[in-house]
PDB file of all heavy atoms in Angstrom:
ATOM      1  N   ASP A   1      -2.922  -5.879   5.482  1.00  0.00           N
ATOM      2  CA  ASP A   1      -3.733  -4.736   5.476  1.00  0.00           C
ATOM      3  C   ASP A   1      -2.882  -3.535   5.799  1.00  0.00           C
ATOM      4  O   ASP A   1      -2.204  -3.513   7.007  1.00  0.00           O
ATOM      5  CB  ASP A   1      -4.805  -4.835   6.616  1.00  0.00           C
ATOM      6  CG  ASP A   1      -5.906  -5.873   6.347  1.00  0.00           C
ATOM      7  OD1 ASP A   1      -5.859  -6.407   5.094  1.00  0.00           O
ATOM      8  OD2 ASP A   1      -6.659  -6.225   7.232  1.00  0.00           O
ATOM      9  N   LEU A   2      -2.680  -2.584   4.880  1.00  0.00           N
ATOM     10  CA  LEU A   2      -1.716  -1.493   5.017  1.00  0.00           C
ATOM     11  C   LEU A   2      -2.438  -0.202   4.899  1.00  0.00           C
ATOM     12  O   LEU A   2      -3.503  -0.098   4.286  1.00  0.00           O
ATOM     13  CB  LEU A   2      -0.737  -1.593   3.797  1.00  0.00           C
ATOM     14  CG  LEU A   2       0.104  -2.856   3.714  1.00  0.00           C
ATOM     15  CD1 LEU A   2       1.015  -2.789   2.486  1.00  0.00           C
ATOM     16  CD2 LEU A   2       1.015  -3.171   4.945  1.00  0.00           C
ATOM     17  N   ARG A   3      -1.804   0.816   5.543  1.00  0.00           N
ATOM     18  CA  ARG A   3      -2.290   2.164   5.456  1.00  0.00           C
ATOM     19  C   ARG A   3      -1.079   3.211   5.735  1.00  0.00           C
ATOM     20  O   ARG A   3      -0.076   2.809   6.337  1.00  0.00           O
ATOM     21  CB  ARG A   3      -3.366   2.421   6.558  1.00  0.00           C
ATOM     22  CG  ARG A   3      -2.779   2.302   8.061  1.00  0.00           C
ATOM     23  CD  ARG A   3      -4.006   2.500   9.113  1.00  0.00           C
ATOM     24  NE  ARG A   3      -3.410   2.652  10.342  1.00  0.00           N
ATOM     25  CZ  ARG A   3      -4.190   2.551  11.461  1.00  0.00           C
ATOM     26  NH1 ARG A   3      -5.556   2.632  11.335  1.00  0.00           N
ATOM     27  NH2 ARG A   3      -3.674   2.723  12.708  1.00  0.00           N
ATOM     28  N   TYR A   4      -1.327   4.485   5.390  1.00  0.00           N
ATOM     29  CA  TYR A   4      -0.393   5.412   5.712  1.00  0.00           C
ATOM     30  C   TYR A   4      -0.635   5.797   7.261  1.00  0.00           C
ATOM     31  O   TYR A   4      -1.724   5.605   7.798  1.00  0.00           O
ATOM     32  CB  TYR A   4      -0.618   6.767   4.903  1.00  0.00           C
ATOM     33  CG  TYR A   4      -0.232   6.607   3.482  1.00  0.00           C
ATOM     34  CD1 TYR A   4      -1.144   6.791   2.545  1.00  0.00           C
ATOM     35  CD2 TYR A   4       1.146   6.371   3.211  1.00  0.00           C
ATOM     36  CE1 TYR A   4      -0.784   6.810   1.177  1.00  0.00           C
ATOM     37  CE2 TYR A   4       1.447   6.168   1.793  1.00  0.00           C
ATOM     38  CZ  TYR A   4       0.517   6.366   0.921  1.00  0.00           C
ATOM     39  OH  TYR A   4       0.812   6.353  -0.438  1.00  0.00           O
ATOM     40  N   ARG A   5       0.401   6.051   8.029  1.00  0.00           N
ATOM     41  CA  ARG A   5       0.344   6.302   9.372  1.00  0.00           C
ATOM     42  C   ARG A   5      -0.661   7.386   9.733  1.00  0.00           C
ATOM     43  O   ARG A   5      -0.651   8.495   9.039  1.00  0.00           O
ATOM     44  CB  ARG A   5       1.725   6.713   9.959  1.00  0.00           C
ATOM     45  CG  ARG A   5       1.709   6.882  11.506  1.00  0.00           C
ATOM     46  CD  ARG A   5       3.147   7.231  12.061  1.00  0.00           C
ATOM     47  NE  ARG A   5       3.588   8.437  11.538  1.00  0.00           N
ATOM     48  CZ  ARG A   5       4.892   8.904  11.720  1.00  0.00           C
ATOM     49  NH1 ARG A   5       5.695   8.115  12.403  1.00  0.00           N
ATOM     50  NH2 ARG A   5       5.187  10.034  11.286  1.00  0.00           N
ATOM     51  N   GLY A   6      -1.673   7.116  10.450  1.00  0.00           N
ATOM     52  CA  GLY A   6      -2.643   8.135  10.901  1.00  0.00           C
ATOM     53  C   GLY A   6      -3.956   7.940  10.198  1.00  0.00           C
ATOM     54  O   GLY A   6      -4.971   8.504  10.539  1.00  0.00           O
ATOM     55  N   GLN A   7      -3.945   7.058   9.163  1.00  0.00           N
ATOM     56  CA  GLN A   7      -5.239   6.771   8.482  1.00  0.00           C
ATOM     57  C   GLN A   7      -6.082   5.892   9.323  1.00  0.00           C
ATOM     58  O   GLN A   7      -5.684   5.253  10.177  1.00  0.00           O
ATOM     59  CB  GLN A   7      -4.991   6.077   7.119  1.00  0.00           C
ATOM     60  CG  GLN A   7      -4.496   7.078   5.947  1.00  0.00           C
ATOM     61  CD  GLN A   7      -4.409   6.474   4.643  1.00  0.00           C
ATOM     62  OE1 GLN A   7      -3.927   5.374   4.618  1.00  0.00           O
ATOM     63  NE2 GLN A   7      -4.781   7.054   3.625  1.00  0.00           N
ATOM     64  N   SER A   8      -7.460   5.965   9.004  1.00  0.00           N
ATOM     65  CA  SER A   8      -8.354   5.311   9.745  1.00  0.00           C
ATOM     66  C   SER A   8      -8.679   3.796   9.263  1.00  0.00           C
ATOM     67  O   SER A   8      -9.219   3.002   9.966  1.00  0.00           O
ATOM     68  CB  SER A   8      -9.731   6.073   9.976  1.00  0.00           C
ATOM     69  OG  SER A   8      -9.539   7.243  10.750  1.00  0.00           O
ATOM     70  N   PHE A   9      -8.412   3.678   7.962  1.00  0.00           N
ATOM     71  CA  PHE A   9      -8.822   2.390   7.302  1.00  0.00           C
ATOM     72  C   PHE A   9      -7.714   1.928   6.372  1.00  0.00           C
ATOM     73  O   PHE A   9      -6.760   2.653   6.088  1.00  0.00           O
ATOM     74  CB  PHE A   9     -10.085   2.614   6.470  1.00  0.00           C
ATOM     75  CG  PHE A   9     -11.228   2.928   7.277  1.00  0.00           C
ATOM     76  CD1 PHE A   9     -11.642   4.263   7.474  1.00  0.00           C
ATOM     77  CD2 PHE A   9     -12.044   1.943   7.981  1.00  0.00           C
ATOM     78  CE1 PHE A   9     -12.738   4.595   8.206  1.00  0.00           C
ATOM     79  CE2 PHE A   9     -13.005   2.251   8.773  1.00  0.00           C
ATOM     80  CZ  PHE A   9     -13.433   3.626   8.928  1.00  0.00           C
ATOM     81  N   GLU A  10      -7.764   0.636   6.079  1.00  0.00           N
ATOM     82  CA  GLU A  10      -6.577   0.031   5.464  1.00  0.00           C
ATOM     83  C   GLU A  10      -6.970  -0.455   4.027  1.00  0.00           C
ATOM     84  O   GLU A  10      -8.164  -0.651   3.693  1.00  0.00           O
ATOM     85  CB  GLU A  10      -6.086  -1.219   6.248  1.00  0.00           C
ATOM     86  CG  GLU A  10      -5.749  -0.909   7.713  1.00  0.00           C
ATOM     87  CD  GLU A  10      -6.886  -0.725   8.538  1.00  0.00           C
ATOM     88  OE1 GLU A  10      -7.772  -1.621   8.536  1.00  0.00           O
ATOM     89  OE2 GLU A  10      -7.019   0.240   9.308  1.00  0.00           O
ATOM     90  N   LEU A  11      -5.892  -0.806   3.205  1.00  0.00           N
ATOM     91  CA  LEU A  11      -6.085  -1.457   1.901  1.00  0.00           C
ATOM     92  C   LEU A  11      -5.477  -2.846   2.032  1.00  0.00           C
ATOM     93  O   LEU A  11      -4.405  -2.911   2.469  1.00  0.00           O
ATOM     94  CB  LEU A  11      -5.457  -0.675   0.770  1.00  0.00           C
ATOM     95  CG  LEU A  11      -6.129   0.664   0.377  1.00  0.00           C
ATOM     96  CD1 LEU A  11      -5.334   1.441  -0.677  1.00  0.00           C
ATOM     97  CD2 LEU A  11      -7.625   0.300  -0.217  1.00  0.00           C
ATOM     98  N   GLY A  12      -6.147  -3.892   1.518  1.00  0.00           N
ATOM     99  CA  GLY A  12      -5.520  -5.149   1.494  1.00  0.00           C
ATOM    100  C   GLY A  12      -4.660  -5.358   0.271  1.00  0.00           C
ATOM    101  O   GLY A  12      -5.135  -5.011  -0.944  1.00  0.00           O
ATOM    102  N   ILE A  13      -3.438  -5.722   0.448  1.00  0.00           N
ATOM    103  CA  ILE A  13      -2.394  -5.892  -0.644  1.00  0.00           C
ATOM    104  C   ILE A  13      -1.934  -7.411  -0.636  1.00  0.00           C
ATOM    105  O   ILE A  13      -1.331  -7.801   0.400  1.00  0.00           O
ATOM    106  CB  ILE A  13      -1.245  -4.920  -0.393  1.00  0.00           C
ATOM    107  CG1 ILE A  13      -1.654  -3.488  -0.296  1.00  0.00           C
ATOM    108  CG2 ILE A  13      -0.177  -5.091  -1.531  1.00  0.00           C
ATOM    109  CD1 ILE A  13      -2.387  -2.955  -1.372  1.00  0.00           C
ATOM    110  N   PRO A  14      -2.149  -8.048  -1.776  1.00  0.00           N
ATOM    111  CA  PRO A  14      -1.650  -9.489  -1.899  1.00  0.00           C
ATOM    112  C   PRO A  14      -0.079  -9.447  -1.828  1.00  0.00           C
ATOM    113  O   PRO A  14       0.548  -8.560  -2.579  1.00  0.00           O
ATOM    114  CB  PRO A  14      -2.276  -9.973  -3.237  1.00  0.00           C
ATOM    115  CG  PRO A  14      -3.425  -9.098  -3.505  1.00  0.00           C
ATOM    116  CD  PRO A  14      -3.005  -7.698  -2.867  1.00  0.00           C
ATOM    117  N   VAL A  15       0.530 -10.313  -1.158  1.00  0.00           N
ATOM    118  CA  VAL A  15       1.984 -10.443  -1.040  1.00  0.00           C
ATOM    119  C   VAL A  15       2.427 -11.845  -1.097  1.00  0.00           C
ATOM    120  O   VAL A  15       1.664 -12.733  -0.819  1.00  0.00           O
ATOM    121  CB  VAL A  15       2.498  -9.699   0.308  1.00  0.00           C
ATOM    122  CG1 VAL A  15       2.042  -8.250   0.243  1.00  0.00           C
ATOM    123  CG2 VAL A  15       2.001 -10.480   1.446  1.00  0.00           C
ATOM    124  N   GLN A  16       3.679 -12.022  -1.333  1.00  0.00           N
ATOM    125  CA  GLN A  16       4.403 -13.259  -1.108  1.00  0.00           C
ATOM    126  C   GLN A  16       5.310 -13.073   0.076  1.00  0.00           C
ATOM    127  O   GLN A  16       5.863 -11.899   0.287  1.00  0.00           O
ATOM    128  CB  GLN A  16       5.268 -13.522  -2.372  1.00  0.00           C
ATOM    129  CG  GLN A  16       4.485 -13.753  -3.633  1.00  0.00           C
ATOM    130  CD  GLN A  16       3.580 -15.053  -3.600  1.00  0.00           C
ATOM    131  OE1 GLN A  16       3.908 -15.980  -2.945  1.00  0.00           O
ATOM    132  NE2 GLN A  16       2.442 -14.990  -4.345  1.00  0.00           N
ATOM    133  N   LEU A  17       5.531 -14.121   0.830  1.00  0.00           N
ATOM    134  CA  LEU A  17       6.437 -13.907   2.051  1.00  0.00           C
ATOM    135  C   LEU A  17       7.832 -13.528   1.668  1.00  0.00           C
ATOM    136  O   LEU A  17       8.486 -12.941   2.475  1.00  0.00           O
ATOM    137  CB  LEU A  17       6.530 -15.350   2.748  1.00  0.00           C
ATOM    138  CG  LEU A  17       5.192 -15.768   3.354  1.00  0.00           C
ATOM    139  CD1 LEU A  17       5.346 -17.099   4.053  1.00  0.00           C
ATOM    140  CD2 LEU A  17       4.511 -14.815   4.334  1.00  0.00           C
ATOM    141  N   SER A  18       8.221 -13.913   0.488  1.00  0.00           N
ATOM    142  CA  SER A  18       9.587 -13.480   0.050  1.00  0.00           C
ATOM    143  C   SER A  18       9.700 -12.037  -0.526  1.00  0.00           C
ATOM    144  O   SER A  18      10.809 -11.588  -0.935  1.00  0.00           O
ATOM    145  CB  SER A  18      10.074 -14.477  -1.020  1.00  0.00           C
ATOM    146  OG  SER A  18       9.281 -14.508  -2.070  1.00  0.00           O
ATOM    147  N   ASP A  19       8.610 -11.372  -0.682  1.00  0.00           N
ATOM    148  CA  ASP A  19       8.632 -10.008  -1.256  1.00  0.00           C
ATOM    149  C   ASP A  19       9.455  -9.069  -0.486  1.00  0.00           C
ATOM    150  O   ASP A  19       9.239  -9.039   0.819  1.00  0.00           O
ATOM    151  CB  ASP A  19       7.134  -9.373  -1.391  1.00  0.00           C
ATOM    152  CG  ASP A  19       6.377 -10.189  -2.627  1.00  0.00           C
ATOM    153  OD1 ASP A  19       7.060 -10.844  -3.318  1.00  0.00           O
ATOM    154  OD2 ASP A  19       5.172  -9.936  -2.616  1.00  0.00           O
ATOM    155  N   PRO A  20      10.336  -8.263  -1.074  1.00  0.00           N
ATOM    156  CA  PRO A  20      11.105  -7.202  -0.339  1.00  0.00           C
ATOM    157  C   PRO A  20      10.069  -6.158   0.176  1.00  0.00           C
ATOM    158  O   PRO A  20       9.052  -5.908  -0.445  1.00  0.00           O
ATOM    159  CB  PRO A  20      12.045  -6.772  -1.357  1.00  0.00           C
ATOM    160  CG  PRO A  20      12.178  -7.689  -2.525  1.00  0.00           C
ATOM    161  CD  PRO A  20      10.805  -8.365  -2.454  1.00  0.00           C
ATOM    162  N   VAL A  21      10.488  -5.485   1.171  1.00  0.00           N
ATOM    163  CA  VAL A  21       9.536  -4.499   1.757  1.00  0.00           C
ATOM    164  C   VAL A  21       9.293  -3.382   0.790  1.00  0.00           C
ATOM    165  O   VAL A  21       8.266  -2.840   0.682  1.00  0.00           O
ATOM    166  CB  VAL A  21      10.143  -3.993   3.121  1.00  0.00           C
ATOM    167  CG1 VAL A  21       9.413  -2.691   3.547  1.00  0.00           C
ATOM    168  CG2 VAL A  21      10.055  -5.072   4.223  1.00  0.00           C
ATOM    169  N   GLU A  22      10.394  -3.052   0.022  1.00  0.00           N
ATOM    170  CA  GLU A  22      10.254  -1.823  -0.881  1.00  0.00           C
ATOM    171  C   GLU A  22       9.187  -2.211  -1.962  1.00  0.00           C
ATOM    172  O   GLU A  22       8.402  -1.411  -2.438  1.00  0.00           O
ATOM    173  CB  GLU A  22      11.558  -1.653  -1.618  1.00  0.00           C
ATOM    174  CG  GLU A  22      12.734  -1.156  -0.689  1.00  0.00           C
ATOM    175  CD  GLU A  22      13.261  -2.230   0.284  1.00  0.00           C
ATOM    176  OE1 GLU A  22      13.087  -3.415  -0.008  1.00  0.00           O
ATOM    177  OE2 GLU A  22      13.966  -1.855   1.221  1.00  0.00           O
ATOM    178  N   CYS A  23       9.137  -3.502  -2.480  1.00  0.00           N
ATOM    179  CA  CYS A  23       8.197  -3.913  -3.473  1.00  0.00           C
ATOM    180  C   CYS A  23       6.707  -3.941  -2.824  1.00  0.00           C
ATOM    181  O   CYS A  23       5.787  -3.359  -3.563  1.00  0.00           O
ATOM    182  CB  CYS A  23       8.352  -5.348  -3.959  1.00  0.00           C
ATOM    183  SG  CYS A  23       9.942  -5.425  -4.981  1.00  0.00           S
ATOM    184  N   ILE A  24       6.555  -4.167  -1.601  1.00  0.00           N
ATOM    185  CA  ILE A  24       5.291  -4.248  -1.037  1.00  0.00           C
ATOM    186  C   ILE A  24       4.777  -2.715  -0.937  1.00  0.00           C
ATOM    187  O   ILE A  24       3.722  -2.265  -1.071  1.00  0.00           O
ATOM    188  CB  ILE A  24       5.267  -4.932   0.425  1.00  0.00           C
ATOM    189  CG1 ILE A  24       5.667  -6.316   0.269  1.00  0.00           C
ATOM    190  CG2 ILE A  24       4.020  -4.609   1.154  1.00  0.00           C
ATOM    191  CD1 ILE A  24       5.804  -7.067   1.565  1.00  0.00           C
ATOM    192  N   GLU A  25       5.855  -1.868  -0.468  1.00  0.00           N
ATOM    193  CA  GLU A  25       5.460  -0.406  -0.307  1.00  0.00           C
ATOM    194  C   GLU A  25       4.974   0.224  -1.714  1.00  0.00           C
ATOM    195  O   GLU A  25       4.023   0.886  -1.803  1.00  0.00           O
ATOM    196  CB  GLU A  25       6.698   0.351   0.046  1.00  0.00           C
ATOM    197  CG  GLU A  25       6.877   0.480   1.703  1.00  0.00           C
ATOM    198  CD  GLU A  25       7.855   1.402   2.017  1.00  0.00           C
ATOM    199  OE1 GLU A  25       8.730   1.760   1.251  1.00  0.00           O
ATOM    200  OE2 GLU A  25       7.821   1.747   3.291  1.00  0.00           O
ATOM    201  N   GLN A  26       5.727  -0.183  -2.817  1.00  0.00           N
ATOM    202  CA  GLN A  26       5.372   0.347  -4.057  1.00  0.00           C
ATOM    203  C   GLN A  26       3.983  -0.068  -4.505  1.00  0.00           C
ATOM    204  O   GLN A  26       3.149   0.605  -5.064  1.00  0.00           O
ATOM    205  CB  GLN A  26       6.435  -0.112  -5.112  1.00  0.00           C
ATOM    206  CG  GLN A  26       7.777   0.609  -4.932  1.00  0.00           C
ATOM    207  CD  GLN A  26       8.927   0.078  -5.736  1.00  0.00           C
ATOM    208  OE1 GLN A  26       8.605  -0.778  -6.813  1.00  0.00           O
ATOM    209  NE2 GLN A  26      10.136   0.442  -5.647  1.00  0.00           N
ATOM    210  N   GLN A  27       3.678  -1.396  -4.283  1.00  0.00           N
ATOM    211  CA  GLN A  27       2.393  -1.911  -4.520  1.00  0.00           C
ATOM    212  C   GLN A  27       1.248  -1.170  -3.818  1.00  0.00           C
ATOM    213  O   GLN A  27       0.178  -0.895  -4.316  1.00  0.00           O
ATOM    214  CB  GLN A  27       2.340  -3.434  -4.329  1.00  0.00           C
ATOM    215  CG  GLN A  27       0.976  -4.111  -4.812  1.00  0.00           C
ATOM    216  CD  GLN A  27       1.074  -5.640  -4.595  1.00  0.00           C
ATOM    217  OE1 GLN A  27       2.017  -6.191  -4.092  1.00  0.00           O
ATOM    218  NE2 GLN A  27       0.018  -6.250  -4.956  1.00  0.00           N
ATOM    219  N   PHE A  28       1.478  -0.873  -2.522  1.00  0.00           N
ATOM    220  CA  PHE A  28       0.597  -0.149  -1.798  1.00  0.00           C
ATOM    221  C   PHE A  28       0.357   1.223  -2.324  1.00  0.00           C
ATOM    222  O   PHE A  28      -0.752   1.713  -2.431  1.00  0.00           O
ATOM    223  CB  PHE A  28       1.004  -0.129  -0.291  1.00  0.00           C
ATOM    224  CG  PHE A  28       0.240   0.827   0.579  1.00  0.00           C
ATOM    225  CD1 PHE A  28      -1.156   0.613   0.906  1.00  0.00           C
ATOM    226  CD2 PHE A  28       0.735   2.107   0.976  1.00  0.00           C
ATOM    227  CE1 PHE A  28      -1.913   1.474   1.644  1.00  0.00           C
ATOM    228  CE2 PHE A  28      -0.108   3.060   1.673  1.00  0.00           C
ATOM    229  CZ  PHE A  28      -1.349   2.683   2.030  1.00  0.00           C
ATOM    230  N   HIS A  29       1.391   1.846  -2.680  1.00  0.00           N
ATOM    231  CA  HIS A  29       1.306   3.352  -3.170  1.00  0.00           C
ATOM    232  C   HIS A  29       0.403   3.315  -4.494  1.00  0.00           C
ATOM    233  O   HIS A  29      -0.339   4.145  -4.700  1.00  0.00           O
ATOM    234  CB  HIS A  29       2.684   3.875  -3.448  1.00  0.00           C
ATOM    235  CG  HIS A  29       3.527   4.066  -2.238  1.00  0.00           C
ATOM    236  ND1 HIS A  29       3.062   4.638  -1.070  1.00  0.00           N
ATOM    237  CD2 HIS A  29       4.785   3.894  -2.034  1.00  0.00           C
ATOM    238  CE1 HIS A  29       4.018   4.721  -0.240  1.00  0.00           C
ATOM    239  NE2 HIS A  29       5.086   4.290  -0.785  1.00  0.00           N
ATOM    240  N   ALA A  30       0.738   2.273  -5.339  1.00  0.00           N
ATOM    241  CA  ALA A  30      -0.001   2.258  -6.624  1.00  0.00           C
ATOM    242  C   ALA A  30      -1.449   1.919  -6.405  1.00  0.00           C
ATOM    243  O   ALA A  30      -2.333   2.512  -6.956  1.00  0.00           O
ATOM    244  CB  ALA A  30       0.675   1.139  -7.498  1.00  0.00           C
ATOM    245  N   THR A  31      -1.771   1.073  -5.481  1.00  0.00           N
ATOM    246  CA  THR A  31      -3.096   0.747  -5.206  1.00  0.00           C
ATOM    247  C   THR A  31      -3.908   1.865  -4.588  1.00  0.00           C
ATOM    248  O   THR A  31      -5.108   2.164  -4.865  1.00  0.00           O
ATOM    249  CB  THR A  31      -3.299  -0.546  -4.249  1.00  0.00           C
ATOM    250  OG1 THR A  31      -2.514  -1.594  -4.881  1.00  0.00           O
ATOM    251  CG2 THR A  31      -4.630  -0.877  -3.895  1.00  0.00           C
ATOM    252  N   HIS A  32      -3.273   2.596  -3.714  1.00  0.00           N
ATOM    253  CA  HIS A  32      -3.749   3.747  -3.035  1.00  0.00           C
ATOM    254  C   HIS A  32      -4.115   4.849  -4.085  1.00  0.00           C
ATOM    255  O   HIS A  32      -5.213   5.482  -4.079  1.00  0.00           O
ATOM    256  CB  HIS A  32      -2.862   4.327  -2.026  1.00  0.00           C
ATOM    257  CG  HIS A  32      -3.513   5.188  -1.058  1.00  0.00           C
ATOM    258  ND1 HIS A  32      -3.812   6.583  -1.221  1.00  0.00           N
ATOM    259  CD2 HIS A  32      -3.939   4.947   0.300  1.00  0.00           C
ATOM    260  CE1 HIS A  32      -4.358   7.078  -0.132  1.00  0.00           C
ATOM    261  NE2 HIS A  32      -4.406   6.205   0.818  1.00  0.00           N
ATOM    262  N   GLN A  33      -3.185   4.945  -5.105  1.00  0.00           N
ATOM    263  CA  GLN A  33      -3.427   5.879  -6.175  1.00  0.00           C
ATOM    264  C   GLN A  33      -4.659   5.540  -7.066  1.00  0.00           C
ATOM    265  O   GLN A  33      -5.470   6.376  -7.377  1.00  0.00           O
ATOM    266  CB  GLN A  33      -2.219   5.937  -7.110  1.00  0.00           C
ATOM    267  CG  GLN A  33      -2.265   6.864  -8.391  1.00  0.00           C
ATOM    268  CD  GLN A  33      -2.326   8.281  -8.114  1.00  0.00           C
ATOM    269  OE1 GLN A  33      -1.508   8.750  -7.266  1.00  0.00           O
ATOM    270  NE2 GLN A  33      -3.201   9.053  -8.797  1.00  0.00           N
ATOM    271  N   GLN A  34      -4.750   4.165  -7.299  1.00  0.00           N
ATOM    272  CA  GLN A  34      -5.922   3.695  -8.129  1.00  0.00           C
ATOM    273  C   GLN A  34      -7.235   3.970  -7.354  1.00  0.00           C
ATOM    274  O   GLN A  34      -8.323   4.425  -7.965  1.00  0.00           O
ATOM    275  CB  GLN A  34      -5.725   2.271  -8.563  1.00  0.00           C
ATOM    276  CG  GLN A  34      -6.823   1.721  -9.368  1.00  0.00           C
ATOM    277  CD  GLN A  34      -6.769   0.264  -9.420  1.00  0.00           C
ATOM    278  OE1 GLN A  34      -6.938  -0.401  -8.432  1.00  0.00           O
ATOM    279  NE2 GLN A  34      -6.704  -0.226 -10.708  1.00  0.00           N
ATOM    280  N   ARG A  35      -7.202   3.660  -6.096  1.00  0.00           N
ATOM    281  CA  ARG A  35      -8.459   3.710  -5.321  1.00  0.00           C
ATOM    282  C   ARG A  35      -8.881   5.144  -4.969  1.00  0.00           C
ATOM    283  O   ARG A  35     -10.044   5.438  -5.107  1.00  0.00           O
ATOM    284  CB  ARG A  35      -8.394   2.848  -4.043  1.00  0.00           C
ATOM    285  CG  ARG A  35      -9.492   2.872  -3.080  1.00  0.00           C
ATOM    286  CD  ARG A  35     -10.684   2.089  -3.730  1.00  0.00           C
ATOM    287  NE  ARG A  35     -10.356   0.744  -4.094  1.00  0.00           N
ATOM    288  CZ  ARG A  35     -10.572  -0.216  -3.130  1.00  0.00           C
ATOM    289  NH1 ARG A  35     -11.121   0.048  -1.964  1.00  0.00           N
ATOM    290  NH2 ARG A  35     -10.234  -1.453  -3.523  1.00  0.00           N
ATOM    291  N   TYR A  36      -7.854   5.949  -4.542  1.00  0.00           N
ATOM    292  CA  TYR A  36      -8.271   7.282  -3.992  1.00  0.00           C
ATOM    293  C   TYR A  36      -7.780   8.390  -4.837  1.00  0.00           C
ATOM    294  O   TYR A  36      -8.080   9.609  -4.509  1.00  0.00           O
ATOM    295  CB  TYR A  36      -7.728   7.372  -2.631  1.00  0.00           C
ATOM    296  CG  TYR A  36      -8.209   6.372  -1.622  1.00  0.00           C
ATOM    297  CD1 TYR A  36      -7.434   5.464  -1.053  1.00  0.00           C
ATOM    298  CD2 TYR A  36      -9.573   6.357  -1.306  1.00  0.00           C
ATOM    299  CE1 TYR A  36      -7.900   4.506  -0.109  1.00  0.00           C
ATOM    300  CE2 TYR A  36     -10.075   5.364  -0.428  1.00  0.00           C
ATOM    301  CZ  TYR A  36      -9.157   4.464   0.104  1.00  0.00           C
ATOM    302  OH  TYR A  36      -9.692   3.467   0.980  1.00  0.00           O
ATOM    303  N   GLY A  37      -6.976   8.144  -5.868  1.00  0.00           N
ATOM    304  CA  GLY A  37      -6.595   9.259  -6.750  1.00  0.00           C
ATOM    305  C   GLY A  37      -5.314   9.951  -6.288  1.00  0.00           C
ATOM    306  O   GLY A  37      -4.903  11.026  -6.856  1.00  0.00           O
ATOM    307  N   TRP A  38      -4.694   9.534  -5.156  1.00  0.00           N
ATOM    308  CA  TRP A  38      -3.415  10.140  -4.769  1.00  0.00           C
ATOM    309  C   TRP A  38      -2.627   9.095  -3.987  1.00  0.00           C
ATOM    310  O   TRP A  38      -3.111   8.128  -3.518  1.00  0.00           O
ATOM    311  CB  TRP A  38      -3.717  11.411  -3.893  1.00  0.00           C
ATOM    312  CG  TRP A  38      -4.334  10.989  -2.537  1.00  0.00           C
ATOM    313  CD1 TRP A  38      -5.736  10.884  -2.273  1.00  0.00           C
ATOM    314  CD2 TRP A  38      -3.707  10.829  -1.264  1.00  0.00           C
ATOM    315  NE1 TRP A  38      -5.951  10.526  -0.983  1.00  0.00           N
ATOM    316  CE2 TRP A  38      -4.669  10.483  -0.311  1.00  0.00           C
ATOM    317  CE3 TRP A  38      -2.376  10.856  -0.844  1.00  0.00           C
ATOM    318  CZ2 TRP A  38      -4.339  10.226   1.009  1.00  0.00           C
ATOM    319  CZ3 TRP A  38      -2.113  10.651   0.567  1.00  0.00           C
ATOM    320  CH2 TRP A  38      -3.218  10.229   1.481  1.00  0.00           C
ATOM    321  N   GLN A  39      -1.337   9.492  -3.885  1.00  0.00           N
ATOM    322  CA  GLN A  39      -0.408   8.715  -2.973  1.00  0.00           C
ATOM    323  C   GLN A  39       0.595   9.677  -2.451  1.00  0.00           C
ATOM    324  O   GLN A  39       0.874  10.767  -2.971  1.00  0.00           O
ATOM    325  CB  GLN A  39       0.245   7.570  -3.864  1.00  0.00           C
ATOM    326  CG  GLN A  39       1.145   8.028  -5.156  1.00  0.00           C
ATOM    327  CD  GLN A  39       1.831   6.976  -5.718  1.00  0.00           C
ATOM    328  OE1 GLN A  39       2.670   6.324  -5.184  1.00  0.00           O
ATOM    329  NE2 GLN A  39       1.524   6.866  -7.112  1.00  0.00           N
ATOM    330  N   ASP A  40       1.392   9.189  -1.338  1.00  0.00           N
ATOM    331  CA  ASP A  40       2.365   9.917  -0.749  1.00  0.00           C
ATOM    332  C   ASP A  40       3.536   9.049  -0.400  1.00  0.00           C
ATOM    333  O   ASP A  40       3.590   8.638   0.759  1.00  0.00           O
ATOM    334  CB  ASP A  40       1.888  10.729   0.512  1.00  0.00           C
ATOM    335  CG  ASP A  40       2.815  11.628   1.083  1.00  0.00           C
ATOM    336  OD1 ASP A  40       4.021  11.784   0.598  1.00  0.00           O
ATOM    337  OD2 ASP A  40       2.416  12.391   2.047  1.00  0.00           O
ATOM    338  N   PRO A  41       4.362   8.743  -1.261  1.00  0.00           N
ATOM    339  CA  PRO A  41       5.496   7.899  -0.927  1.00  0.00           C
ATOM    340  C   PRO A  41       6.501   8.283   0.194  1.00  0.00           C
ATOM    341  O   PRO A  41       7.104   7.347   0.855  1.00  0.00           O
ATOM    342  CB  PRO A  41       6.346   7.738  -2.245  1.00  0.00           C
ATOM    343  CG  PRO A  41       5.405   8.143  -3.224  1.00  0.00           C
ATOM    344  CD  PRO A  41       4.476   9.136  -2.713  1.00  0.00           C
TER     345      PRO A  41
END
């Protein structure tokens, strides 16, 4: 469950334990863009 700092709610992002943090971040940004129409890397 990920969110931008200060947000009130989270998005669930499927991950593998071996995934690099950078890949997880990119997946979160893309999911946030699809769901809400914007992202802030």
